[in-house]
């Protein structure tokens, strides 16, 4: 839904890095509970 410049720029990087933090939190939870990340 975005232009190429936006997809490669700082605005889209904000959303990507935000989601990366959430993914890391999911991984920590999965490791702590001994369950797959997908669950």
ModelCIF file with pLDDT and N, C-alpha, C, O atoms, coordinates in Angstrom:
data_MODEL
#
_entry.id   MODEL 
#
_entity.id                         1 
_entity.type                       polymer 
_entity.pdbx_number_of_molecules   1 
#
_entity_poly.entity_id                      1 
_entity_poly.type                           'polypeptide(L)' 
_entity_poly.nstd_linkage                   no 
_entity_poly.nstd_monomer                   no 
_entity_poly.pdbx_seq_one_letter_code       
;(UNK)(UNK)(UNK)(UNK)(UNK)(UNK)(UNK)(UNK)(UNK)(UNK)(UNK)(UNK)(UNK)(UNK)(UNK)(UNK)
(UNK)(UNK)(UNK)(UNK)(UNK)(UNK)(UNK)(UNK)(UNK)(UNK)(UNK)(UNK)(UNK)(UNK)(UNK)(UNK)
(UNK)(UNK)(UNK)(UNK)(UNK)(UNK)(UNK)
;
_entity_poly.pdbx_seq_one_letter_code_can   XXXXXXXXXXXXXXXXXXXXXXXXXXXXXXXXXXXXXXX 
_entity_poly.pdbx_strand_id                 A 
#
loop_
_entity_poly_seq.entity_id 
_entity_poly_seq.num 
_entity_poly_seq.mon_id 
_entity_poly_seq.hetero 
1 1  UNK n 
1 2  UNK n 
1 3  UNK n 
1 4  UNK n 
1 5  UNK n 
1 6  UNK n 
1 7  UNK n 
1 8  UNK n 
1 9  UNK n 
1 10 UNK n 
1 11 UNK n 
1 12 UNK n 
1 13 UNK n 
1 14 UNK n 
1 15 UNK n 
1 16 UNK n 
1 17 UNK n 
1 18 UNK n 
1 19 UNK n 
1 20 UNK n 
1 21 UNK n 
1 22 UNK n 
1 23 UNK n 
1 24 UNK n 
1 25 UNK n 
1 26 UNK n 
1 27 UNK n 
1 28 UNK n 
1 29 UNK n 
1 30 UNK n 
1 31 UNK n 
1 32 UNK n 
1 33 UNK n 
1 34 UNK n 
1 35 UNK n 
1 36 UNK n 
1 37 UNK n 
1 38 UNK n 
1 39 UNK n 
#
_struct_asym.id          A 
_struct_asym.entity_id   1 
#
loop_
_ma_qa_metric.id 
_ma_qa_metric.mode 
_ma_qa_metric.name 
_ma_qa_metric.software_group_id 
_ma_qa_metric.type 
1 global pLDDT . pLDDT 
2 local  pLDDT . pLDDT 
#
_ma_qa_metric_global.metric_id      1 
_ma_qa_metric_global.metric_value   87.10 
_ma_qa_metric_global.model_id       1 
_ma_qa_metric_global.ordinal_id     1 
#
loop_
_ma_qa_metric_local.label_asym_id 
_ma_qa_metric_local.label_comp_id 
_ma_qa_metric_local.label_seq_id 
_ma_qa_metric_local.metric_id 
_ma_qa_metric_local.metric_value 
_ma_qa_metric_local.model_id 
_ma_qa_metric_local.ordinal_id 
A UNK 1  2 94.00 1 1  
A UNK 2  2 93.00 1 2  
A UNK 3  2 94.00 1 3  
A UNK 4  2 90.00 1 4  
A UNK 5  2 89.00 1 5  
A UNK 6  2 87.00 1 6  
A UNK 7  2 84.00 1 7  
A UNK 8  2 83.00 1 8  
A UNK 9  2 80.00 1 9  
A UNK 10 2 69.00 1 10 
A UNK 11 2 72.00 1 11 
A UNK 12 2 77.00 1 12 
A UNK 13 2 83.00 1 13 
A UNK 14 2 86.00 1 14 
A UNK 15 2 89.00 1 15 
A UNK 16 2 87.00 1 16 
A UNK 17 2 87.00 1 17 
A UNK 18 2 91.00 1 18 
A UNK 19 2 91.00 1 19 
A UNK 20 2 88.00 1 20 
A UNK 21 2 89.00 1 21 
A UNK 22 2 92.00 1 22 
A UNK 23 2 91.00 1 23 
A UNK 24 2 89.00 1 24 
A UNK 25 2 90.00 1 25 
A UNK 26 2 91.00 1 26 
A UNK 27 2 89.00 1 27 
A UNK 28 2 87.00 1 28 
A UNK 29 2 87.00 1 29 
A UNK 30 2 88.00 1 30 
A UNK 31 2 85.00 1 31 
A UNK 32 2 83.00 1 32 
A UNK 33 2 84.00 1 33 
A UNK 34 2 88.00 1 34 
A UNK 35 2 89.00 1 35 
A UNK 36 2 92.00 1 36 
A UNK 37 2 89.00 1 37 
A UNK 38 2 90.00 1 38 
A UNK 39 2 90.00 1 39 
#
loop_
_atom_site.group_PDB 
_atom_site.id 
_atom_site.type_symbol 
_atom_site.label_atom_id 
_atom_site.label_alt_id 
_atom_site.label_comp_id 
_atom_site.label_asym_id 
_atom_site.label_entity_id 
_atom_site.label_seq_id 
_atom_site.pdbx_PDB_ins_code 
_atom_site.Cartn_x 
_atom_site.Cartn_y 
_atom_site.Cartn_z 
_atom_site.occupancy 
_atom_site.B_iso_or_equiv 
_atom_site.pdbx_formal_charge 
_atom_site.auth_seq_id 
_atom_site.auth_comp_id 
_atom_site.auth_asym_id 
_atom_site.auth_atom_id 
_atom_site.pdbx_PDB_model_num 
ATOM 1   N N  . UNK A 1 1  ? 0.817  -1.216  0.000  1.00 94.00 ? 1  UNK A N  1 
ATOM 2   C CA . UNK A 1 1  ? 0.000  0.000   0.000  1.00 94.00 ? 1  UNK A CA 1 
ATOM 3   C C  . UNK A 1 1  ? 0.849  1.264   0.000  1.00 94.00 ? 1  UNK A C  1 
ATOM 4   O O  . UNK A 1 1  ? 0.308  2.369   -0.004 1.00 94.00 ? 1  UNK A O  1 
ATOM 5   N N  . UNK A 1 2  ? 2.179  1.117   0.004  1.00 93.00 ? 2  UNK A N  1 
ATOM 6   C CA . UNK A 1 2  ? 3.090  2.262   0.148  1.00 93.00 ? 2  UNK A CA 1 
ATOM 7   C C  . UNK A 1 2  ? 3.932  2.471   -1.099 1.00 93.00 ? 2  UNK A C  1 
ATOM 8   O O  . UNK A 1 2  ? 4.096  1.568   -1.919 1.00 93.00 ? 2  UNK A O  1 
ATOM 9   N N  . UNK A 1 3  ? 4.461  3.682   -1.223 1.00 94.00 ? 3  UNK A N  1 
ATOM 10  C CA . UNK A 1 3  ? 5.430  3.956   -2.274 1.00 94.00 ? 3  UNK A CA 1 
ATOM 11  C C  . UNK A 1 3  ? 6.742  3.251   -1.942 1.00 94.00 ? 3  UNK A C  1 
ATOM 12  O O  . UNK A 1 3  ? 6.971  2.867   -0.795 1.00 94.00 ? 3  UNK A O  1 
ATOM 13  N N  . UNK A 1 4  ? 7.591  3.083   -2.932 1.00 90.00 ? 4  UNK A N  1 
ATOM 14  C CA . UNK A 1 4  ? 8.884  2.425   -2.709 1.00 90.00 ? 4  UNK A CA 1 
ATOM 15  C C  . UNK A 1 4  ? 9.723  3.220   -1.726 1.00 90.00 ? 4  UNK A C  1 
ATOM 16  O O  . UNK A 1 4  ? 10.386 2.646   -0.863 1.00 90.00 ? 4  UNK A O  1 
ATOM 17  N N  . UNK A 1 5  ? 9.696  4.556   -1.853 1.00 89.00 ? 5  UNK A N  1 
ATOM 18  C CA . UNK A 1 5  ? 10.485 5.405   -0.953 1.00 89.00 ? 5  UNK A CA 1 
ATOM 19  C C  . UNK A 1 5  ? 10.045 5.247   0.489  1.00 89.00 ? 5  UNK A C  1 
ATOM 20  O O  . UNK A 1 5  ? 10.875 5.214   1.398  1.00 89.00 ? 5  UNK A O  1 
ATOM 21  N N  . UNK A 1 6  ? 8.737  5.148   0.702  1.00 87.00 ? 6  UNK A N  1 
ATOM 22  C CA . UNK A 1 6  ? 8.237  4.985   2.068  1.00 87.00 ? 6  UNK A CA 1 
ATOM 23  C C  . UNK A 1 6  ? 8.590  3.607   2.616  1.00 87.00 ? 6  UNK A C  1 
ATOM 24  O O  . UNK A 1 6  ? 8.969  3.472   3.779  1.00 87.00 ? 6  UNK A O  1 
ATOM 25  N N  . UNK A 1 7  ? 8.463  2.591   1.777  1.00 84.00 ? 7  UNK A N  1 
ATOM 26  C CA . UNK A 1 7  ? 8.757  1.227   2.217  1.00 84.00 ? 7  UNK A CA 1 
ATOM 27  C C  . UNK A 1 7  ? 10.211 1.056   2.632  1.00 84.00 ? 7  UNK A C  1 
ATOM 28  O O  . UNK A 1 7  ? 10.534 0.219   3.475  1.00 84.00 ? 7  UNK A O  1 
ATOM 29  N N  . UNK A 1 8  ? 11.082 1.855   2.035  1.00 83.00 ? 8  UNK A N  1 
ATOM 30  C CA . UNK A 1 8  ? 12.504 1.742   2.337  1.00 83.00 ? 8  UNK A CA 1 
ATOM 31  C C  . UNK A 1 8  ? 12.985 2.829   3.298  1.00 83.00 ? 8  UNK A C  1 
ATOM 32  O O  . UNK A 1 8  ? 14.163 2.860   3.655  1.00 83.00 ? 8  UNK A O  1 
ATOM 33  N N  . UNK A 1 9  ? 12.076 3.729   3.723  1.00 80.00 ? 9  UNK A N  1 
ATOM 34  C CA . UNK A 1 9  ? 12.484 4.887   4.518  1.00 80.00 ? 9  UNK A CA 1 
ATOM 35  C C  . UNK A 1 9  ? 12.255 4.740   6.006  1.00 80.00 ? 9  UNK A C  1 
ATOM 36  O O  . UNK A 1 9  ? 11.912 3.663   6.496  1.00 80.00 ? 9  UNK A O  1 
ATOM 37  N N  . UNK A 1 10 ? 12.451 5.849   6.727  1.00 69.00 ? 10 UNK A N  1 
ATOM 38  C CA . UNK A 1 10 ? 12.400 5.846   8.185  1.00 69.00 ? 10 UNK A CA 1 
ATOM 39  C C  . UNK A 1 10 ? 10.992 5.607   8.722  1.00 69.00 ? 10 UNK A C  1 
ATOM 40  O O  . UNK A 1 10 ? 10.832 5.014   9.789  1.00 69.00 ? 10 UNK A O  1 
ATOM 41  N N  . UNK A 1 11 ? 9.968  6.063   7.993  1.00 72.00 ? 11 UNK A N  1 
ATOM 42  C CA . UNK A 1 11 ? 8.602  5.896   8.489  1.00 72.00 ? 11 UNK A CA 1 
ATOM 43  C C  . UNK A 1 11 ? 8.250  4.414   8.579  1.00 72.00 ? 11 UNK A C  1 
ATOM 44  O O  . UNK A 1 11 ? 7.758  3.950   9.607  1.00 72.00 ? 11 UNK A O  1 
ATOM 45  N N  . UNK A 1 12 ? 8.498  3.686   7.519  1.00 77.00 ? 12 UNK A N  1 
ATOM 46  C CA . UNK A 1 12 ? 8.191  2.261   7.545  1.00 77.00 ? 12 UNK A CA 1 
ATOM 47  C C  . UNK A 1 12 ? 9.118  1.527   8.512  1.00 77.00 ? 12 UNK A C  1 
ATOM 48  O O  . UNK A 1 12 ? 8.733  0.523   9.110  1.00 77.00 ? 12 UNK A O  1 
ATOM 49  N N  . UNK A 1 13 ? 10.338 2.036   8.658  1.00 83.00 ? 13 UNK A N  1 
ATOM 50  C CA . UNK A 1 13 ? 11.277 1.413   9.601  1.00 83.00 ? 13 UNK A CA 1 
ATOM 51  C C  . UNK A 1 13 ? 10.745 1.487   11.026 1.00 83.00 ? 13 UNK A C  1 
ATOM 52  O O  . UNK A 1 13 ? 11.006 0.598   11.836 1.00 83.00 ? 13 UNK A O  1 
ATOM 53  N N  . UNK A 1 14 ? 9.999  2.546   11.332 1.00 86.00 ? 14 UNK A N  1 
ATOM 54  C CA . UNK A 1 14 ? 9.379  2.673   12.657 1.00 86.00 ? 14 UNK A CA 1 
ATOM 55  C C  . UNK A 1 14 ? 8.455  1.492   12.930 1.00 86.00 ? 14 UNK A C  1 
ATOM 56  O O  . UNK A 1 14 ? 8.531  0.867   13.987 1.00 86.00 ? 14 UNK A O  1 
ATOM 57  N N  . UNK A 1 15 ? 7.586  1.191   11.975 1.00 89.00 ? 15 UNK A N  1 
ATOM 58  C CA . UNK A 1 15 ? 6.643  0.091   12.150 1.00 89.00 ? 15 UNK A CA 1 
ATOM 59  C C  . UNK A 1 15 ? 7.368  -1.252  12.204 1.00 89.00 ? 15 UNK A C  1 
ATOM 60  O O  . UNK A 1 15 ? 7.010  -2.126  12.994 1.00 89.00 ? 15 UNK A O  1 
ATOM 61  N N  . UNK A 1 16 ? 8.385  -1.411  11.364 1.00 87.00 ? 16 UNK A N  1 
ATOM 62  C CA . UNK A 1 16 ? 9.125  -2.679  11.350 1.00 87.00 ? 16 UNK A CA 1 
ATOM 63  C C  . UNK A 1 16 ? 9.859  -2.917  12.674 1.00 87.00 ? 16 UNK A C  1 
ATOM 64  O O  . UNK A 1 16 ? 9.803  -4.015  13.227 1.00 87.00 ? 16 UNK A O  1 
ATOM 65  N N  . UNK A 1 17 ? 10.540 -1.895  13.176 1.00 87.00 ? 17 UNK A N  1 
ATOM 66  C CA . UNK A 1 17 ? 11.306 -2.075  14.406 1.00 87.00 ? 17 UNK A CA 1 
ATOM 67  C C  . UNK A 1 17 ? 10.383 -2.232  15.622 1.00 87.00 ? 17 UNK A C  1 
ATOM 68  O O  . UNK A 1 17 ? 10.722 -2.927  16.580 1.00 87.00 ? 17 UNK A O  1 
ATOM 69  N N  . UNK A 1 18 ? 9.231  -1.588  15.575 1.00 91.00 ? 18 UNK A N  1 
ATOM 70  C CA . UNK A 1 18 ? 8.225  -1.770  16.627 1.00 91.00 ? 18 UNK A CA 1 
ATOM 71  C C  . UNK A 1 18 ? 7.804  -3.241  16.672 1.00 91.00 ? 18 UNK A C  1 
ATOM 72  O O  . UNK A 1 18 ? 7.750  -3.847  17.742 1.00 91.00 ? 18 UNK A O  1 
ATOM 73  N N  . UNK A 1 19 ? 7.510  -3.801  15.512 1.00 91.00 ? 19 UNK A N  1 
ATOM 74  C CA . UNK A 1 19 ? 7.086  -5.198  15.449 1.00 91.00 ? 19 UNK A CA 1 
ATOM 75  C C  . UNK A 1 19 ? 8.220  -6.135  15.869 1.00 91.00 ? 19 UNK A C  1 
ATOM 76  O O  . UNK A 1 19 ? 7.967  -7.188  16.453 1.00 91.00 ? 19 UNK A O  1 
ATOM 77  N N  . UNK A 1 20 ? 9.461  -5.761  15.579 1.00 88.00 ? 20 UNK A N  1 
ATOM 78  C CA . UNK A 1 20 ? 10.603 -6.581  16.004 1.00 88.00 ? 20 UNK A CA 1 
ATOM 79  C C  . UNK A 1 20 ? 10.665 -6.698  17.521 1.00 88.00 ? 20 UNK A C  1 
ATOM 80  O O  . UNK A 1 20 ? 10.977 -7.767  18.045 1.00 88.00 ? 20 UNK A O  1 
ATOM 81  N N  . UNK A 1 21 ? 10.370 -5.611  18.233 1.00 89.00 ? 21 UNK A N  1 
ATOM 82  C CA . UNK A 1 21 ? 10.364 -5.652  19.695 1.00 89.00 ? 21 UNK A CA 1 
ATOM 83  C C  . UNK A 1 21 ? 9.277  -6.600  20.201 1.00 89.00 ? 21 UNK A C  1 
ATOM 84  O O  . UNK A 1 21 ? 9.495  -7.351  21.152 1.00 89.00 ? 21 UNK A O  1 
ATOM 85  N N  . UNK A 1 22 ? 8.114  -6.563  19.563 1.00 92.00 ? 22 UNK A N  1 
ATOM 86  C CA . UNK A 1 22 ? 7.028  -7.457  19.955 1.00 92.00 ? 22 UNK A CA 1 
ATOM 87  C C  . UNK A 1 22 ? 7.401  -8.920  19.676 1.00 92.00 ? 22 UNK A C  1 
ATOM 88  O O  . UNK A 1 22 ? 7.076  -9.812  20.459 1.00 92.00 ? 22 UNK A O  1 
ATOM 89  N N  . UNK A 1 23 ? 8.084  -9.149  18.554 1.00 91.00 ? 23 UNK A N  1 
ATOM 90  C CA . UNK A 1 23 ? 8.514  -10.509 18.232 1.00 91.00 ? 23 UNK A CA 1 
ATOM 91  C C  . UNK A 1 23 ? 9.522  -11.013 19.267 1.00 91.00 ? 23 UNK A C  1 
ATOM 92  O O  . UNK A 1 23 ? 9.482  -12.179 19.660 1.00 91.00 ? 23 UNK A O  1 
ATOM 93  N N  . UNK A 1 24 ? 10.431 -10.127 19.707 1.00 89.00 ? 24 UNK A N  1 
ATOM 94  C CA . UNK A 1 24 ? 11.409 -10.520 20.723 1.00 89.00 ? 24 UNK A CA 1 
ATOM 95  C C  . UNK A 1 24 ? 10.712 -10.877 22.025 1.00 89.00 ? 24 UNK A C  1 
ATOM 96  O O  . UNK A 1 24 ? 11.109 -11.818 22.713 1.00 89.00 ? 24 UNK A O  1 
ATOM 97  N N  . UNK A 1 25 ? 9.667  -10.120 22.362 1.00 90.00 ? 25 UNK A N  1 
ATOM 98  C CA . UNK A 1 25 ? 8.913  -10.403 23.576 1.00 90.00 ? 25 UNK A CA 1 
ATOM 99  C C  . UNK A 1 25 ? 8.211  -11.754 23.467 1.00 90.00 ? 25 UNK A C  1 
ATOM 100 O O  . UNK A 1 25 ? 8.125  -12.490 24.450 1.00 90.00 ? 25 UNK A O  1 
ATOM 101 N N  . UNK A 1 26 ? 7.717  -12.078 22.292 1.00 91.00 ? 26 UNK A N  1 
ATOM 102 C CA . UNK A 1 26 ? 7.098  -13.385 22.079 1.00 91.00 ? 26 UNK A CA 1 
ATOM 103 C C  . UNK A 1 26 ? 8.115  -14.508 22.281 1.00 91.00 ? 26 UNK A C  1 
ATOM 104 O O  . UNK A 1 26 ? 7.803  -15.542 22.872 1.00 91.00 ? 26 UNK A O  1 
ATOM 105 N N  . UNK A 1 27 ? 9.335  -14.293 21.782 1.00 89.00 ? 27 UNK A N  1 
ATOM 106 C CA . UNK A 1 27 ? 10.370 -15.320 21.907 1.00 89.00 ? 27 UNK A CA 1 
ATOM 107 C C  . UNK A 1 27 ? 10.759 -15.548 23.359 1.00 89.00 ? 27 UNK A C  1 
ATOM 108 O O  . UNK A 1 27 ? 10.957 -16.685 23.790 1.00 89.00 ? 27 UNK A O  1 
ATOM 109 N N  . UNK A 1 28 ? 10.868 -14.441 24.120 1.00 87.00 ? 28 UNK A N  1 
ATOM 110 C CA . UNK A 1 28 ? 11.199 -14.562 25.542 1.00 87.00 ? 28 UNK A CA 1 
ATOM 111 C C  . UNK A 1 28 ? 10.106 -15.338 26.276 1.00 87.00 ? 28 UNK A C  1 
ATOM 112 O O  . UNK A 1 28 ? 10.395 -16.203 27.104 1.00 87.00 ? 28 UNK A O  1 
ATOM 113 N N  . UNK A 1 29 ? 8.852  -15.020 25.965 1.00 87.00 ? 29 UNK A N  1 
ATOM 114 C CA . UNK A 1 29 ? 7.730  -15.721 26.591 1.00 87.00 ? 29 UNK A CA 1 
ATOM 115 C C  . UNK A 1 29 ? 7.758  -17.203 26.237 1.00 87.00 ? 29 UNK A C  1 
ATOM 116 O O  . UNK A 1 29 ? 7.533  -18.055 27.097 1.00 87.00 ? 29 UNK A O  1 
ATOM 117 N N  . UNK A 1 30 ? 8.032  -17.509 24.972 1.00 88.00 ? 30 UNK A N  1 
ATOM 118 C CA . UNK A 1 30 ? 8.072  -18.901 24.531 1.00 88.00 ? 30 UNK A CA 1 
ATOM 119 C C  . UNK A 1 30 ? 9.180  -19.674 25.247 1.00 88.00 ? 30 UNK A C  1 
ATOM 120 O O  . UNK A 1 30 ? 8.980  -20.813 25.667 1.00 88.00 ? 30 UNK A O  1 
ATOM 121 N N  . UNK A 1 31 ? 10.370 -19.034 25.384 1.00 85.00 ? 31 UNK A N  1 
ATOM 122 C CA . UNK A 1 31 ? 11.490 -19.684 26.069 1.00 85.00 ? 31 UNK A CA 1 
ATOM 123 C C  . UNK A 1 31 ? 11.166 -19.908 27.541 1.00 85.00 ? 31 UNK A C  1 
ATOM 124 O O  . UNK A 1 31 ? 11.484 -20.958 28.099 1.00 85.00 ? 31 UNK A O  1 
ATOM 125 N N  . UNK A 1 32 ? 10.533 -18.917 28.170 1.00 83.00 ? 32 UNK A N  1 
ATOM 126 C CA . UNK A 1 32 ? 10.223 -19.017 29.599 1.00 83.00 ? 32 UNK A CA 1 
ATOM 127 C C  . UNK A 1 32 ? 9.191  -20.111 29.874 1.00 83.00 ? 32 UNK A C  1 
ATOM 128 O O  . UNK A 1 32 ? 9.255  -20.789 30.899 1.00 83.00 ? 32 UNK A O  1 
ATOM 129 N N  . UNK A 1 33 ? 8.246  -20.276 28.959 1.00 84.00 ? 33 UNK A N  1 
ATOM 130 C CA . UNK A 1 33 ? 7.173  -21.233 29.172 1.00 84.00 ? 33 UNK A CA 1 
ATOM 131 C C  . UNK A 1 33 ? 7.425  -22.575 28.490 1.00 84.00 ? 33 UNK A C  1 
ATOM 132 O O  . UNK A 1 33 ? 6.662  -23.525 28.666 1.00 84.00 ? 33 UNK A O  1 
ATOM 133 N N  . UNK A 1 34 ? 8.518  -22.644 27.698 1.00 88.00 ? 34 UNK A N  1 
ATOM 134 C CA . UNK A 1 34 ? 8.844  -23.896 27.025 1.00 88.00 ? 34 UNK A CA 1 
ATOM 135 C C  . UNK A 1 34 ? 7.840  -24.304 25.975 1.00 88.00 ? 34 UNK A C  1 
ATOM 136 O O  . UNK A 1 34 ? 7.528  -25.486 25.827 1.00 88.00 ? 34 UNK A O  1 
ATOM 137 N N  . UNK A 1 35 ? 7.324  -23.311 25.232 1.00 89.00 ? 35 UNK A N  1 
ATOM 138 C CA . UNK A 1 35 ? 6.324  -23.591 24.198 1.00 89.00 ? 35 UNK A CA 1 
ATOM 139 C C  . UNK A 1 35 ? 6.788  -22.966 22.882 1.00 89.00 ? 35 UNK A C  1 
ATOM 140 O O  . UNK A 1 35 ? 7.646  -22.084 22.898 1.00 89.00 ? 35 UNK A O  1 
ATOM 141 N N  . UNK A 1 36 ? 6.244  -23.400 21.748 1.00 92.00 ? 36 UNK A N  1 
ATOM 142 C CA . UNK A 1 36 ? 6.633  -22.823 20.453 1.00 92.00 ? 36 UNK A CA 1 
ATOM 143 C C  . UNK A 1 36 ? 6.243  -21.347 20.354 1.00 92.00 ? 36 UNK A C  1 
ATOM 144 O O  . UNK A 1 36 ? 5.219  -20.933 20.897 1.00 92.00 ? 36 UNK A O  1 
ATOM 145 N N  . UNK A 1 37 ? 7.061  -20.560 19.661 1.00 89.00 ? 37 UNK A N  1 
ATOM 146 C CA . UNK A 1 37 ? 6.781  -19.131 19.490 1.00 89.00 ? 37 UNK A CA 1 
ATOM 147 C C  . UNK A 1 37 ? 5.437  -18.931 18.787 1.00 89.00 ? 37 UNK A C  1 
ATOM 148 O O  . UNK A 1 37 ? 4.704  -17.990 19.088 1.00 89.00 ? 37 UNK A O  1 
ATOM 149 N N  . UNK A 1 38 ? 5.127  -19.817 17.859 1.00 90.00 ? 38 UNK A N  1 
ATOM 150 C CA . UNK A 1 38 ? 3.888  -19.678 17.087 1.00 90.00 ? 38 UNK A CA 1 
ATOM 151 C C  . UNK A 1 38 ? 2.643  -19.716 17.962 1.00 90.00 ? 38 UNK A C  1 
ATOM 152 O O  . UNK A 1 38 ? 1.598  -19.187 17.581 1.00 90.00 ? 38 UNK A O  1 
ATOM 153 N N  . UNK A 1 39 ? 2.747  -20.334 19.125 1.00 90.00 ? 39 UNK A N  1 
ATOM 154 C CA . UNK A 1 39 ? 1.576  -20.444 20.007 1.00 90.00 ? 39 UNK A CA 1 
ATOM 155 C C  . UNK A 1 39 ? 1.460  -19.262 20.970 1.00 90.00 ? 39 UNK A C  1 
ATOM 156 O O  . UNK A 1 39 ? 0.529  -19.209 21.774 1.00 90.00 ? 39 UNK A O  1 
#
